Amino acid sequence: MRTDTPPATNYLMLQELVSRFQNVSQSLERSYSELQERVRTLSAELQKERDERVRLERLAAMGEMAMELAHEIRNPLASIELYASMSHFEYSEQILRSVRLLNHTVTNTLHFGKPIHPVPEITPVAELLDRVKSFVQPIAAKKRIAMEVRCAAGFAMMADPELMHRMLLNLVLNALRETPTEGTVRLGAKVAGRDVVMSVEDTGPGIPDETRARIFDPMFSTHREGCGLGLSIVKRIVESHDGAIDVTSSARGTAFHIRLKNAQRNMEVVSEPVTCSR
């Protein structure tokens, strides 16, 4: 004997089947959308990696070319510097300074492609800052920028003096380039605990927030006269001394602070530090 299923029961079963189908369909749609989003994300990441690889390959090629050019330029520069130093006419000193600045740029290029290995020695900090100031004073005077040096007296640090000079010179030249006429560039140094803290400050327009994170990247420059190596070399020199560098910036100016850590290795206090202006 066959018993027919009541129409109401059939309707409920049909409703349940439709509901299940809708749920499965919606689930498939969500999965498909998530899959599409994942594919877009992976594609973007892959394209970014490709772009980065191309950029690095171009940088490597540019670096090799720049190093070859730097080697070729260095020998004529040495000859010009030698003959200018032997001359005693009106502009010989200006020629010497220009050649040394150009040689500084060439050395930056060479350092960009080589590991940095410091040769530490006891380096009087006040003398280091004064040498940098003396080197750039004619550039500052031409632009009518005041150069100030403030340091703690009577202390030295264990560091490579040539690399420290190059690091500070890069920062000061960058500050002079960004500081407007009648502005000020300050060089400073002090003892903080058992560390040495040096600073380079300017009264320029500041670094925009969107570019501040990239200023130490090789080949990155927002200035048409910059080659993008100076600050990268600065960071590498500081890190080669187990130090740290940070930057603060506003519309009133920019300040770089360099901290050389580990007093037993990097610093020797000769006498009690006393703040002074030079």
C-alpha atoms as a PDB file:
ATOM      1  CA  MET A   1       0.000   0.000   0.000  1.00  0.00           C
ATOM      2  CA  ARG A   2       1.557   3.351  -1.099  1.00  0.00           C
ATOM      3  CA  THR A   3       1.253   6.408   1.022  1.00  0.00           C
ATOM      4  CA  ASP A   4       1.527   9.728  -0.852  1.00  0.00           C
ATOM      5  CA  THR A   5       3.625  12.534   0.684  1.00  0.00           C
ATOM      6  CA  PRO A   6       1.456  15.468   1.683  1.00  0.00           C
ATOM      7  CA  PRO A   7       1.894  18.585  -0.499  1.00  0.00           C
ATOM      8  CA  ALA A   8       2.957  20.679   2.530  1.00  0.00           C
ATOM      9  CA  THR A   9       5.827  18.301   3.221  1.00  0.00           C
ATOM     10  CA  ASN A  10       6.941  18.432  -0.404  1.00  0.00           C
ATOM     11  CA  TYR A  11       6.902  22.223  -0.280  1.00  0.00           C
ATOM     12  CA  LEU A  12       9.036  22.279   2.868  1.00  0.00           C
ATOM     13  CA  MET A  13      11.550  19.860   1.337  1.00  0.00           C
ATOM     14  CA  LEU A  14      11.733  21.998  -1.784  1.00  0.00           C
ATOM     15  CA  GLN A  15      12.264  25.114   0.318  1.00  0.00           C
ATOM     16  CA  GLU A  16      15.083  23.406   2.212  1.00  0.00           C
ATOM     17  CA  LEU A  17      16.747  22.331  -1.030  1.00  0.00           C
ATOM     18  CA  VAL A  18      16.479  25.853  -2.446  1.00  0.00           C
ATOM     19  CA  SER A  19      17.893  27.299   0.773  1.00  0.00           C
ATOM     20  CA  ARG A  20      20.803  24.875   0.707  1.00  0.00           C
ATOM     21  CA  PHE A  21      21.480  25.669  -2.944  1.00  0.00           C
ATOM     22  CA  GLN A  22      21.470  29.401  -2.191  1.00  0.00           C
ATOM     23  CA  ASN A  23      23.887  28.927   0.731  1.00  0.00           C
ATOM     24  CA  VAL A  24      26.245  26.846  -1.378  1.00  0.00           C
ATOM     25  CA  SER A  25      26.019  29.358  -4.225  1.00  0.00           C
ATOM     26  CA  GLN A  26      26.778  32.273  -1.886  1.00  0.00           C
ATOM     27  CA  SER A  27      29.674  30.355  -0.359  1.00  0.00           C
ATOM     28  CA  LEU A  28      31.091  29.655  -3.820  1.00  0.00           C
ATOM     29  CA  GLU A  29      30.728  33.332  -4.750  1.00  0.00           C
ATOM     30  CA  ARG A  30      32.588  34.393  -1.599  1.00  0.00           C
ATOM     31  CA  SER A  31      35.325  31.857  -2.249  1.00  0.00           C
ATOM     32  CA  TYR A  32      35.641  33.031  -5.841  1.00  0.00           C
ATOM     33  CA  SER A  33      35.848  36.678  -4.754  1.00  0.00           C
ATOM     34  CA  GLU A  34      38.488  35.835  -2.137  1.00  0.00           C
ATOM     35  CA  LEU A  35      40.421  33.855  -4.717  1.00  0.00           C
ATOM     36  CA  GLN A  36      40.290  36.769  -7.167  1.00  0.00           C
ATOM     37  CA  GLU A  37      41.518  39.165  -4.464  1.00  0.00           C
ATOM     38  CA  ARG A  38      44.329  36.798  -3.556  1.00  0.00           C
ATOM     39  CA  VAL A  39      45.337  36.501  -7.210  1.00  0.00           C
ATOM     40  CA  ARG A  40      45.381  40.318  -7.511  1.00  0.00           C
ATOM     41  CA  THR A  41      47.511  40.605  -4.375  1.00  0.00           C
ATOM     42  CA  LEU A  42      49.985  37.961  -5.518  1.00  0.00           C
ATOM     43  CA  SER A  43      50.164  39.530  -8.989  1.00  0.00           C
ATOM     44  CA  ALA A  44      50.912  42.932  -7.468  1.00  0.00           C
ATOM     45  CA  GLU A  45      53.597  41.443  -5.201  1.00  0.00           C
ATOM     46  CA  LEU A  46      55.128  39.587  -8.137  1.00  0.00           C
ATOM     47  CA  GLN A  47      55.185  42.768 -10.235  1.00  0.00           C
ATOM     48  CA  LYS A  48      56.759  44.660  -7.333  1.00  0.00           C
ATOM     49  CA  GLU A  49      59.477  42.007  -7.031  1.00  0.00           C
ATOM     50  CA  ARG A  50      60.100  42.186 -10.780  1.00  0.00           C
ATOM     51  CA  ASP A  51      60.348  45.986 -10.652  1.00  0.00           C
ATOM     52  CA  GLU A  52      62.717  45.781  -7.669  1.00  0.00           C
ATOM     53  CA  ARG A  53      64.892  43.238  -9.470  1.00  0.00           C
ATOM     54  CA  VAL A  54      65.072  45.476 -12.539  1.00  0.00           C
ATOM     55  CA  ARG A  55      65.904  48.473 -10.327  1.00  0.00           C
ATOM     56  CA  LEU A  56      68.686  46.566  -8.558  1.00  0.00           C
ATOM     57  CA  GLU A  57      70.122  45.387 -11.867  1.00  0.00           C
ATOM     58  CA  ARG A  58      70.154  48.969 -13.140  1.00  0.00           C
ATOM     59  CA  LEU A  59      71.770  50.178  -9.909  1.00  0.00           C
ATOM     60  CA  ALA A  60      74.435  47.487 -10.171  1.00  0.00           C
ATOM     61  CA  ALA A  61      75.193  48.504 -13.761  1.00  0.00           C
ATOM     62  CA  MET A  62      75.268  52.199 -12.805  1.00  0.00           C
ATOM     63  CA  GLY A  63      77.498  51.409  -9.836  1.00  0.00           C
ATOM     64  CA  GLU A  64      80.026  49.565 -11.985  1.00  0.00           C
ATOM     65  CA  MET A  65      80.052  52.368 -14.532  1.00  0.00           C
ATOM     66  CA  ALA A  66      80.381  55.031 -11.822  1.00  0.00           C
ATOM     67  CA  MET A  67      83.316  53.205 -10.213  1.00  0.00           C
ATOM     68  CA  GLU A  68      85.125  52.967 -13.547  1.00  0.00           C
ATOM     69  CA  LEU A  69      84.565  56.682 -14.178  1.00  0.00           C
ATOM     70  CA  ALA A  70      85.682  57.526 -10.647  1.00  0.00           C
ATOM     71  CA  HIS A  71      88.972  55.682 -11.125  1.00  0.00           C
ATOM     72  CA  GLU A  72      89.536  57.470 -14.426  1.00  0.00           C
ATOM     73  CA  ILE A  73      88.788  60.887 -12.901  1.00  0.00           C
ATOM     74  CA  ARG A  74      90.927  60.457  -9.803  1.00  0.00           C
ATOM     75  CA  ASN A  75      94.335  60.533 -11.498  1.00  0.00           C
ATOM     76  CA  PRO A  76      93.779  63.842 -13.362  1.00  0.00           C
ATOM     77  CA  LEU A  77      92.390  65.319 -10.146  1.00  0.00           C
ATOM     78  CA  ALA A  78      95.563  64.401  -8.291  1.00  0.00           C
ATOM     79  CA  SER A  79      97.633  66.160 -10.951  1.00  0.00           C
ATOM     80  CA  ILE A  80      95.468  69.294 -10.846  1.00  0.00           C
ATOM     81  CA  GLU A  81      95.688  69.385  -7.050  1.00  0.00           C
ATOM     82  CA  LEU A  82      99.463  68.966  -7.148  1.00  0.00           C
ATOM     83  CA  TYR A  83     100.041  71.774  -9.651  1.00  0.00           C
ATOM     84  CA  ALA A  84      97.559  74.076  -7.877  1.00  0.00           C
ATOM     85  CA  SER A  85      99.358  73.507  -4.561  1.00  0.00           C
ATOM     86  CA  MET A  86     102.663  74.465  -6.218  1.00  0.00           C
ATOM     87  CA  SER A  87     101.188  77.637  -7.708  1.00  0.00           C
ATOM     88  CA  HIS A  88     100.963  80.949  -5.907  1.00  0.00           C
ATOM     89  CA  PHE A  89      98.575  82.954  -8.032  1.00  0.00           C
ATOM     90  CA  GLU A  90      95.312  84.560  -6.946  1.00  0.00           C
ATOM     91  CA  TYR A  91      92.948  81.643  -7.472  1.00  0.00           C
ATOM     92  CA  SER A  92      95.145  78.681  -6.536  1.00  0.00           C
ATOM     93  CA  GLU A  93      93.430  78.210  -3.170  1.00  0.00           C
ATOM     94  CA  GLN A  94      89.971  78.213  -4.775  1.00  0.00           C
ATOM     95  CA  ILE A  95      91.157  75.635  -7.309  1.00  0.00           C
ATOM     96  CA  LEU A  96      92.521  73.464  -4.518  1.00  0.00           C
ATOM     97  CA  ARG A  97      89.240  73.563  -2.610  1.00  0.00           C
ATOM     98  CA  SER A  98      87.209  72.804  -5.732  1.00  0.00           C
ATOM     99  CA  VAL A  99      89.453  69.866  -6.594  1.00  0.00           C
ATOM    100  CA  ARG A 100      89.166  68.493  -3.054  1.00  0.00           C
ATOM    101  CA  LEU A 101      85.371  68.765  -3.171  1.00  0.00           C
ATOM    102  CA  LEU A 102      85.326  66.950  -6.501  1.00  0.00           C
ATOM    103  CA  ASN A 103      87.671  64.333  -5.076  1.00  0.00           C
ATOM    104  CA  HIS A 104      85.249  63.944  -2.161  1.00  0.00           C
ATOM    105  CA  THR A 105      82.454  63.167  -4.638  1.00  0.00           C
ATOM    106  CA  VAL A 106      84.660  60.661  -6.446  1.00  0.00           C
ATOM    107  CA  THR A 107      85.541  58.969  -3.142  1.00  0.00           C
ATOM    108  CA  ASN A 108      81.833  58.744  -2.284  1.00  0.00           C
ATOM    109  CA  THR A 109      81.275  56.944  -5.571  1.00  0.00           C
ATOM    110  CA  LEU A 110      84.086  54.505  -4.878  1.00  0.00           C
ATOM    111  CA  HIS A 111      82.887  53.857  -1.329  1.00  0.00           C
ATOM    112  CA  PHE A 112      79.405  53.163  -2.638  1.00  0.00           C
ATOM    113  CA  GLY A 113      80.658  50.031  -4.378  1.00  0.00           C
ATOM    114  CA  LYS A 114      83.025  48.771  -1.683  1.00  0.00           C
ATOM    115  CA  PRO A 115      82.723  47.462   1.893  1.00  0.00           C
ATOM    116  CA  ILE A 116      83.714  50.001   4.549  1.00  0.00           C
ATOM    117  CA  HIS A 117      86.364  48.818   7.020  1.00  0.00           C
ATOM    118  CA  PRO A 118      87.207  51.477   9.651  1.00  0.00           C
ATOM    119  CA  VAL A 119      90.713  51.811  11.072  1.00  0.00           C
ATOM    120  CA  PRO A 120      89.918  53.292  14.519  1.00  0.00           C
ATOM    121  CA  GLU A 121      92.284  55.581  16.386  1.00  0.00           C
ATOM    122  CA  ILE A 122      91.913  58.148  19.124  1.00  0.00           C
ATOM    123  CA  THR A 123      90.256  61.104  17.380  1.00  0.00           C
ATOM    124  CA  PRO A 124      89.854  64.478  19.156  1.00  0.00           C
ATOM    125  CA  VAL A 125      86.287  65.479  18.378  1.00  0.00           C
ATOM    126  CA  ALA A 126      86.686  69.275  18.574  1.00  0.00           C
ATOM    127  CA  GLU A 127      89.550  69.138  16.056  1.00  0.00           C
ATOM    128  CA  LEU A 128      87.452  66.943  13.765  1.00  0.00           C
ATOM    129  CA  LEU A 129      84.568  69.428  13.764  1.00  0.00           C
ATOM    130  CA  ASP A 130      86.879  72.383  13.232  1.00  0.00           C
ATOM    131  CA  ARG A 131      88.498  70.700  10.217  1.00  0.00           C
ATOM    132  CA  VAL A 132      85.101  70.148   8.639  1.00  0.00           C
ATOM    133  CA  LYS A 133      84.087  73.747   9.331  1.00  0.00           C
ATOM    134  CA  SER A 134      87.341  75.068   7.849  1.00  0.00           C
ATOM    135  CA  PHE A 135      86.832  72.960   4.719  1.00  0.00           C
ATOM    136  CA  VAL A 136      83.330  74.262   3.974  1.00  0.00           C
ATOM    137  CA  GLN A 137      83.716  77.833   5.280  1.00  0.00           C
ATOM    138  CA  PRO A 138      84.269  79.387   1.811  1.00  0.00           C
ATOM    139  CA  ILE A 139      81.132  77.661   0.487  1.00  0.00           C
ATOM    140  CA  ALA A 140      79.117  78.912   3.461  1.00  0.00           C
ATOM    141  CA  ALA A 141      80.545  82.428   3.120  1.00  0.00           C
ATOM    142  CA  LYS A 142      79.659  82.566  -0.579  1.00  0.00           C
ATOM    143  CA  LYS A 143      76.051  81.706   0.276  1.00  0.00           C
ATOM    144  CA  ARG A 144      76.109  83.945   3.389  1.00  0.00           C
ATOM    145  CA  ILE A 145      75.329  81.026   5.709  1.00  0.00           C
ATOM    146  CA  ALA A 146      76.615  81.153   9.298  1.00  0.00           C
ATOM    147  CA  MET A 147      78.677  78.128  10.383  1.00  0.00           C
ATOM    148  CA  GLU A 148      78.595  77.320  14.101  1.00  0.00           C
ATOM    149  CA  VAL A 149      80.483  74.630  16.009  1.00  0.00           C
ATOM    150  CA  ARG A 150      79.469  73.729  19.555  1.00  0.00           C
ATOM    151  CA  CYS A 151      81.183  70.904  21.339  1.00  0.00           C
ATOM    152  CA  ALA A 152      82.150  69.504  24.693  1.00  0.00           C
ATOM    153  CA  ALA A 153      85.791  70.252  25.431  1.00  0.00           C
ATOM    154  CA  GLY A 154      88.569  67.779  26.086  1.00  0.00           C
ATOM    155  CA  PHE A 155      87.300  64.413  24.827  1.00  0.00           C
ATOM    156  CA  ALA A 156      88.107  62.049  22.029  1.00  0.00           C
ATOM    157  CA  MET A 157      86.612  58.935  20.481  1.00  0.00           C
ATOM    158  CA  MET A 158      87.947  55.737  19.000  1.00  0.00           C
ATOM    159  CA  ALA A 159      86.975  56.042  15.342  1.00  0.00           C
ATOM    160  CA  ASP A 160      88.418  56.234  11.869  1.00  0.00           C
ATOM    161  CA  PRO A 161      89.175  59.976  11.504  1.00  0.00           C
ATOM    162  CA  GLU A 162      89.070  59.954   7.693  1.00  0.00           C
ATOM    163  CA  LEU A 163      85.689  58.205   7.624  1.00  0.00           C
ATOM    164  CA  MET A 164      84.328  60.493  10.359  1.00  0.00           C
ATOM    165  CA  HIS A 165      85.486  63.532   8.371  1.00  0.00           C
ATOM    166  CA  ARG A 166      83.830  62.172   5.227  1.00  0.00           C
ATOM    167  CA  MET A 167      80.601  61.377   7.090  1.00  0.00           C
ATOM    168  CA  LEU A 168      80.328  64.856   8.638  1.00  0.00           C
ATOM    169  CA  LEU A 169      81.356  66.540   5.395  1.00  0.00           C
ATOM    170  CA  ASN A 170      78.550  64.777   3.529  1.00  0.00           C
ATOM    171  CA  LEU A 171      76.025  65.941   6.121  1.00  0.00           C
ATOM    172  CA  VAL A 172      77.320  69.524   6.178  1.00  0.00           C
ATOM    173  CA  LEU A 173      77.444  69.831   2.373  1.00  0.00           C
ATOM    174  CA  ASN A 174      73.896  68.519   2.234  1.00  0.00           C
ATOM    175  CA  ALA A 175      72.849  71.039   4.904  1.00  0.00           C
ATOM    176  CA  LEU A 176      74.531  73.912   3.030  1.00  0.00           C
ATOM    177  CA  ARG A 177      72.749  72.917  -0.174  1.00  0.00           C
ATOM    178  CA  GLU A 178      69.340  72.935   1.520  1.00  0.00           C
ATOM    179  CA  THR A 179      69.813  76.007   3.729  1.00  0.00           C
ATOM    180  CA  PRO A 180      68.748  79.342   2.224  1.00  0.00           C
ATOM    181  CA  THR A 181      70.907  82.463   2.193  1.00  0.00           C
ATOM    182  CA  GLU A 182      71.362  84.048   5.645  1.00  0.00           C
ATOM    183  CA  GLY A 183      70.588  80.699   7.277  1.00  0.00           C
ATOM    184  CA  THR A 184      72.675  78.727   9.791  1.00  0.00           C
ATOM    185  CA  VAL A 185      74.349  75.332   9.860  1.00  0.00           C
ATOM    186  CA  ARG A 186      75.457  73.989  13.249  1.00  0.00           C
ATOM    187  CA  LEU A 187      77.914  71.251  14.044  1.00  0.00           C
ATOM    188  CA  GLY A 188      77.769  69.841  17.558  1.00  0.00           C
ATOM    189  CA  ALA A 189      79.230  67.106  19.751  1.00  0.00           C
ATOM    190  CA  LYS A 190      78.802  66.046  23.361  1.00  0.00           C
ATOM    191  CA  VAL A 191      79.255  63.146  25.749  1.00  0.00           C
ATOM    192  CA  ALA A 192      75.999  61.388  26.650  1.00  0.00           C
ATOM    193  CA  GLY A 193      76.540  58.751  29.298  1.00  0.00           C
ATOM    194  CA  ARG A 194      79.295  56.663  27.763  1.00  0.00           C
ATOM    195  CA  ASP A 195      78.454  57.540  24.170  1.00  0.00           C
ATOM    196  CA  VAL A 196      79.544  60.270  21.787  1.00  0.00           C
ATOM    197  CA  VAL A 197      76.688  62.171  20.133  1.00  0.00           C
ATOM    198  CA  MET A 198      77.428  64.385  17.138  1.00  0.00           C
ATOM    199  CA  SER A 199      74.877  66.498  15.295  1.00  0.00           C
ATOM    200  CA  VAL A 200      74.480  68.509  12.106  1.00  0.00           C
ATOM    201  CA  GLU A 201      71.572  70.952  12.069  1.00  0.00           C
ATOM    202  CA  ASP A 202      70.354  73.419   9.477  1.00  0.00           C
ATOM    203  CA  THR A 203      67.646  76.067   9.123  1.00  0.00           C
ATOM    204  CA  GLY A 204      66.411  74.834   5.775  1.00  0.00           C
ATOM    205  CA  PRO A 205      62.814  74.052   4.755  1.00  0.00           C
ATOM    206  CA  GLY A 206      62.869  70.544   6.204  1.00  0.00           C
ATOM    207  CA  ILE A 207      62.356  67.119   4.640  1.00  0.00           C
ATOM    208  CA  PRO A 208      58.812  66.202   3.528  1.00  0.00           C
ATOM    209  CA  ASP A 209      57.263  63.337   5.499  1.00  0.00           C
ATOM    210  CA  GLU A 210      56.692  61.275   2.356  1.00  0.00           C
ATOM    211  CA  THR A 211      60.410  61.233   1.472  1.00  0.00           C
ATOM    212  CA  ARG A 212      62.012  61.137   4.925  1.00  0.00           C
ATOM    213  CA  ALA A 213      61.969  57.331   5.089  1.00  0.00           C
ATOM    214  CA  ARG A 214      63.974  57.112   1.836  1.00  0.00           C
ATOM    215  CA  ILE A 215      66.728  59.675   2.364  1.00  0.00           C
ATOM    216  CA  PHE A 216      69.330  57.016   3.180  1.00  0.00           C
ATOM    217  CA  ASP A 217      68.481  54.915   0.102  1.00  0.00           C
ATOM    218  CA  PRO A 218      71.227  54.770  -2.543  1.00  0.00           C
ATOM    219  CA  MET A 219      70.568  56.922  -5.617  1.00  0.00           C
ATOM    220  CA  PHE A 220      67.635  58.700  -3.953  1.00  0.00           C
ATOM    221  CA  SER A 221      67.765  62.481  -4.069  1.00  0.00           C
ATOM    222  CA  THR A 222      65.156  65.228  -4.133  1.00  0.00           C
ATOM    223  CA  HIS A 223      67.701  67.832  -5.226  1.00  0.00           C
ATOM    224  CA  ARG A 224      68.649  68.292  -8.859  1.00  0.00           C
ATOM    225  CA  GLU A 225      72.316  68.722  -7.891  1.00  0.00           C
ATOM    226  CA  GLY A 226      72.381  65.621  -5.699  1.00  0.00           C
ATOM    227  CA  CYS A 227      73.491  62.178  -6.864  1.00  0.00           C
ATOM    228  CA  GLY A 228      71.843  60.275  -4.017  1.00  0.00           C
ATOM    229  CA  LEU A 229      75.055  58.819  -2.568  1.00  0.00           C
ATOM    230  CA  GLY A 230      75.976  61.211   0.254  1.00  0.00           C
ATOM    231  CA  LEU A 231      73.451  60.179   2.903  1.00  0.00           C
ATOM    232  CA  SER A 232      73.731  56.523   1.954  1.00  0.00           C
ATOM    233  CA  ILE A 233      77.500  56.718   2.563  1.00  0.00           C
ATOM    234  CA  VAL A 234      76.842  58.529   5.850  1.00  0.00           C
ATOM    235  CA  LYS A 235      74.636  55.704   7.115  1.00  0.00           C
ATOM    236  CA  ARG A 236      77.120  53.031   6.053  1.00  0.00           C
ATOM    237  CA  ILE A 237      80.017  54.819   7.786  1.00  0.00           C
ATOM    238  CA  VAL A 238      78.022  55.218  11.008  1.00  0.00           C
ATOM    239  CA  GLU A 239      76.932  51.573  10.979  1.00  0.00           C
ATOM    240  CA  SER A 240      80.501  50.439  10.251  1.00  0.00           C
ATOM    241  CA  HIS A 241      81.383  52.014  13.636  1.00  0.00           C
ATOM    242  CA  ASP A 242      78.482  50.182  15.368  1.00  0.00           C
ATOM    243  CA  GLY A 243      76.706  53.507  15.672  1.00  0.00           C
ATOM    244  CA  ALA A 244      73.234  54.818  14.912  1.00  0.00           C
ATOM    245  CA  ILE A 245      71.901  57.854  13.065  1.00  0.00           C
ATOM    246  CA  ASP A 246      68.473  59.449  13.181  1.00  0.00           C
ATOM    247  CA  VAL A 247      66.906  62.525  11.676  1.00  0.00           C
ATOM    248  CA  THR A 248      64.289  64.990  12.864  1.00  0.00           C
ATOM    249  CA  SER A 249      62.808  67.576  10.541  1.00  0.00           C
ATOM    250  CA  SER A 250      60.224  70.334  10.445  1.00  0.00           C
ATOM    251  CA  ALA A 251      59.558  73.505   8.490  1.00  0.00           C
ATOM    252  CA  ARG A 252      62.180  75.204  10.692  1.00  0.00           C
ATOM    253  CA  GLY A 253      65.034  72.893   9.724  1.00  0.00           C
ATOM    254  CA  THR A 254      66.559  69.420   9.854  1.00  0.00           C
ATOM    255  CA  ALA A 255      68.855  67.799  12.402  1.00  0.00           C
ATOM    256  CA  PHE A 256      70.927  64.627  12.034  1.00  0.00           C
ATOM    257  CA  HIS A 257      72.128  62.985  15.256  1.00  0.00           C
ATOM    258  CA  ILE A 258      74.922  60.408  15.223  1.00  0.00           C
ATOM    259  CA  ARG A 259      75.456  58.246  18.305  1.00  0.00           C
ATOM    260  CA  LEU A 260      78.600  56.143  18.566  1.00  0.00           C
ATOM    261  CA  LYS A 261      77.964  53.439  21.154  1.00  0.00           C
ATOM    262  CA  ASN A 262      80.126  51.207  23.333  1.00  0.00           C
ATOM    263  CA  ALA A 263      82.467  53.567  25.146  1.00  0.00           C
ATOM    264  CA  GLN A 264      85.131  50.899  25.736  1.00  0.00           C
ATOM    265  CA  ARG A 265      85.652  50.590  22.013  1.00  0.00           C
ATOM    266  CA  ASN A 266      84.567  53.909  20.550  1.00  0.00           C
ATOM    267  CA  MET A 267      85.336  56.633  23.067  1.00  0.00           C
ATOM    268  CA  GLU A 268      88.064  57.745  25.453  1.00  0.00           C
ATOM    269  CA  VAL A 269      87.357  60.685  27.775  1.00  0.00           C
ATOM    270  CA  VAL A 270      90.499  62.790  28.224  1.00  0.00           C
ATOM    271  CA  SER A 271      89.099  65.261  30.753  1.00  0.00           C
ATOM    272  CA  GLU A 272      85.770  66.386  32.166  1.00  0.00           C
ATOM    273  CA  PRO A 273      83.584  67.690  29.318  1.00  0.00           C
ATOM    274  CA  VAL A 274      82.698  71.372  29.426  1.00  0.00           C
ATOM    275  CA  THR A 275      80.265  72.882  26.915  1.00  0.00           C
ATOM    276  CA  CYS A 276      81.856  75.496  24.719  1.00  0.00           C
ATOM    277  CA  SER A 277      81.349  77.355  21.442  1.00  0.00           C
ATOM    278  CA  ARG A 278      84.047  77.509  18.818  1.00  0.00           C
END
